[in-house]
Structure formats: structure tokens, C-alpha cells
Protein backbone atom coordinates (compact mmCIF):
# COMPACT_ATOMS: atom_id res chain seq x y z
CA MET A 1 0.04 0.01 0.30
CA GLN A 2 0.91 3.37 -0.44
CA LEU A 3 0.38 7.16 0.74
CA THR A 4 1.18 10.18 -1.33
CA SER A 5 0.26 13.41 -1.45
CA SER A 6 0.59 16.47 -4.04
CA ALA A 7 1.67 19.24 -1.32
CA PHE A 8 4.74 17.18 -0.08
CA GLN A 9 7.54 14.93 -1.31
CA PRO A 10 8.45 12.07 0.88
CA GLY A 11 10.95 13.16 3.62
CA GLY A 12 10.53 17.19 1.65
CA ASN A 13 9.30 19.69 4.02
CA ILE A 14 5.38 20.25 4.41
CA PRO A 15 4.78 24.10 2.83
CA LYS A 16 3.39 26.92 4.95
CA GLN A 17 -0.08 26.77 3.60
CA PHE A 18 -0.90 23.76 6.03
CA THR A 19 0.75 24.91 9.56
CA CYS A 20 -0.32 27.44 12.27
CA GLU A 21 2.14 30.17 9.87
CA GLY A 22 0.09 29.62 6.85
CA SER A 23 -3.78 28.54 6.88
CA ASP A 24 -3.40 25.74 9.14
CA ILE A 25 -5.31 23.44 6.50
CA SER A 26 -5.04 19.79 5.69
CA PRO A 27 -2.99 18.18 3.18
CA GLU A 28 -4.53 16.45 -0.05
CA VAL A 29 -3.63 12.91 0.70
CA THR A 30 -4.12 9.92 -1.45
CA TRP A 31 -3.91 6.33 -1.91
CA ASN A 32 -3.62 2.80 -3.35
CA ASP A 33 -2.71 -0.96 -3.63
CA ALA A 34 -4.48 -1.97 -0.66
CA PRO A 35 -5.46 -5.13 0.61
CA SER A 36 -8.58 -6.42 -1.43
CA ARG A 37 -10.26 -7.46 1.94
CA VAL A 38 -10.13 -3.79 3.83
CA LYS A 39 -13.17 -2.95 5.45
CA THR A 40 -11.67 0.47 6.44
CA PHE A 41 -8.53 3.07 6.78
CA ALA A 42 -7.89 5.08 9.92
CA LEU A 43 -5.13 8.08 9.62
CA ILE A 44 -3.00 9.16 12.31
CA VAL A 45 -0.60 11.61 11.97
CA HIS A 46 1.80 12.08 14.57
CA ASP A 47 5.23 14.55 15.73
CA PRO A 48 7.74 12.24 17.45
CA ASP A 49 9.82 15.04 18.03
CA ALA A 50 7.38 17.36 19.98
CA PRO A 51 8.99 17.72 23.50
CA ARG A 52 5.87 16.04 25.53
CA ALA A 53 6.21 12.41 26.00
CA GLY A 54 4.41 10.42 23.08
CA GLY A 55 4.58 13.05 21.03
CA PHE A 56 1.75 15.02 19.10
CA TYR A 57 -0.81 14.05 17.52
CA HIS A 58 -2.34 16.51 14.07
CA TRP A 59 -4.85 14.31 12.81
CA VAL A 60 -6.98 11.25 13.24
CA ALA A 61 -9.16 10.29 11.30
CA TYR A 62 -10.87 6.55 11.54
CA ASN A 63 -13.76 4.68 9.80
CA ILE A 64 -13.13 5.78 6.04
CA PRO A 65 -15.07 3.55 3.97
CA ALA A 66 -13.52 0.89 2.09
CA THR A 67 -14.12 2.59 -1.26
CA VAL A 68 -12.32 6.25 -0.13
CA ALA A 69 -8.55 6.13 -1.45
CA ARG A 70 -7.75 9.90 -0.60
CA ILE A 71 -9.00 12.83 1.77
CA SER A 72 -9.16 16.22 0.02
CA GLU A 73 -6.91 18.84 0.56
CA ASN A 74 -8.78 21.20 3.22
CA ALA A 75 -11.35 18.51 4.84
CA LEU A 76 -13.78 20.54 6.97
CA LYS A 77 -12.95 20.46 10.81
CA GLU A 78 -15.94 18.37 11.27
CA PRO A 79 -16.58 14.82 12.84
CA GLU A 80 -17.42 13.18 9.35
CA LEU A 81 -15.58 13.70 6.09
CA PRO A 82 -16.83 13.89 2.69
CA GLY A 83 -17.09 10.51 1.74
CA GLY A 84 -17.40 8.99 4.75
CA GLY A 85 -15.12 8.16 8.10
CA THR A 86 -14.39 10.04 11.51
CA GLN A 87 -12.64 13.21 12.60
CA GLY A 88 -10.91 12.47 15.54
CA ARG A 89 -9.65 14.86 18.44
CA ASN A 90 -5.79 16.25 17.68
CA ASP A 91 -3.55 17.03 20.27
CA PHE A 92 -5.02 20.44 20.06
CA GLY A 93 -8.12 19.20 21.35
CA ASN A 94 -10.15 20.18 18.56
CA ILE A 95 -11.23 18.00 15.65
CA GLY A 96 -10.05 17.25 12.41
CA TYR A 97 -6.58 18.64 11.46
CA GLY A 98 -4.29 20.87 12.95
CA GLY A 99 -1.10 21.92 11.15
CA PRO A 100 2.45 21.73 12.07
CA CYS A 101 3.83 24.66 14.69
CA PRO A 102 6.76 23.01 15.93
CA PRO A 103 8.42 25.40 19.16
CA SER A 104 11.66 25.10 17.96
CA GLY A 105 13.90 23.81 15.51
CA SER A 106 12.67 21.14 12.21
CA HIS A 107 10.50 18.37 13.55
CA ARG A 108 9.62 15.17 11.08
CA TYR A 109 5.03 14.65 10.68
CA PHE A 110 4.28 10.91 9.86
CA PHE A 111 1.52 10.56 8.34
CA ARG A 112 0.33 6.65 8.87
CA LEU A 113 -2.73 4.62 6.60
CA TYR A 114 -4.11 1.17 8.62
CA ALA A 115 -5.88 -0.69 6.00
CA LEU A 116 -8.16 -2.43 8.72
CA ASP A 117 -10.48 -6.10 8.22
CA THR A 118 -13.44 -4.15 10.58
CA GLU A 119 -15.09 -0.75 11.01
CA LEU A 120 -14.31 0.95 14.48
CA LYS A 121 -16.58 0.61 17.69
CA LEU A 122 -15.40 4.04 18.47
CA ASN A 123 -17.70 7.46 19.75
CA GLN A 124 -17.32 10.70 17.40
CA GLY A 125 -14.34 12.58 18.71
CA ALA A 126 -11.96 9.41 19.63
CA THR A 127 -8.08 10.64 20.32
CA ALA A 128 -5.24 9.02 18.26
CA LYS A 129 -4.33 6.50 21.55
CA GLU A 130 -8.18 4.80 21.70
CA VAL A 131 -7.71 4.99 17.80
CA SER A 132 -4.08 2.64 17.97
CA LYS A 133 -5.29 0.58 20.63
CA ALA A 134 -8.95 0.13 18.40
CA ILE A 135 -6.66 -1.48 15.42
CA GLU A 136 -4.58 -3.30 17.40
CA GLY A 137 -4.82 -6.93 15.49
CA HIS A 138 -7.03 -5.43 12.83
CA ILE A 139 -4.53 -4.35 10.45
CA LEU A 140 -4.20 -6.19 7.38
CA ALA A 141 -1.43 -3.18 5.67
CA GLN A 142 -0.34 0.13 6.30
CA ALA A 143 2.00 3.09 4.51
CA GLU A 144 3.88 5.60 6.42
CA LEU A 145 4.12 9.10 4.87
CA MET A 146 7.12 11.85 6.73
CA GLY A 147 7.11 15.10 6.08
CA LYS A 148 8.94 17.69 7.58
CA TYR A 149 8.48 21.85 9.51
CA GLN A 150 10.46 23.80 11.06
CA LYS A 151 8.95 27.60 12.07
CA SER A 152 10.09 30.66 10.41
CA SER A 153 13.14 32.21 11.70
CA HIS A 154 11.87 35.87 11.31
CA ARG A 155 9.76 37.21 13.78
CA ALA A 156 7.68 40.62 13.54
CA ALA A 157 8.79 43.71 15.24
């Protein structure tokens, strides 16, 4: 299974518009070559370089139907995704995507897509930890896309 984005190359820099310094909109993500037995997908975006223990979760989406292979740019920050699926609560405490906003230095952002053999029985607003626990034993395949971001060093006077 492969996960890609039209916004940035694997290992490349995430453009400013997808961060707290820009419009803070979600990048488009697409995937292909999913297993035939997939029932749903889950997407988790994680910054392991964040200073808090366990890193920082920027986006959680789950119960994305097997018929879907893309989340469009600028997904609304609402519980339901267009085309199906549910967005959970990120570590900013909000539903949907929260862009990179590292306090210092360059951070890595791992977009991880999981092909699952089940629909998750979770309430709206589930956290990354709740989704991670629920997918245990149900992962048929996974794909990863990593992007980097470092805040501008210029400060307004």
C-alpha cells in the first residue's frame, strides 16, 4: 500500500499553508494498492519530535470506507469526512487536522494510513490513543508518508 500527497514529497518540507504559520489546512492525501479484504482505513498524523512525552498527534481519522482512496485538501474540521469516515480529536483538543507548529527546530510529521479488517466501534472525537488501541489486531497493511517542518525564524517587530 502506498500513501502520497500532492502537497509534499516523501521526506520533504511541508508547505507553510498546511501549518500554524499559514492557513492551517490539511494537505490532500491519496493511497493505492490496499488489500482486497479492507473494510475501513484509519489515518493518524504524529510528530514524535514534540517535547511532550509520546509526541504530538495532529490528525486522527477512522472508519474511512474501503471505497475511499483520498482525503481532499482542506478537509473541514468537522466530525464527518466528505465521502465517509470520522475525524477524531487531535492533541490541540480540536476535531480534524491541526497543522505543524513546532516550538523550535525541525520536526518530522508521520502520516500513517492503516488498512483494517473491521469498522471501529468508537465514539465521535476519539483520540489517537483510542484509535491506536482499537486497531490492534485488525491491521491488514499500513503505509507511511513523512514530511518535515520548521517555523520561520523571522519575527515581526
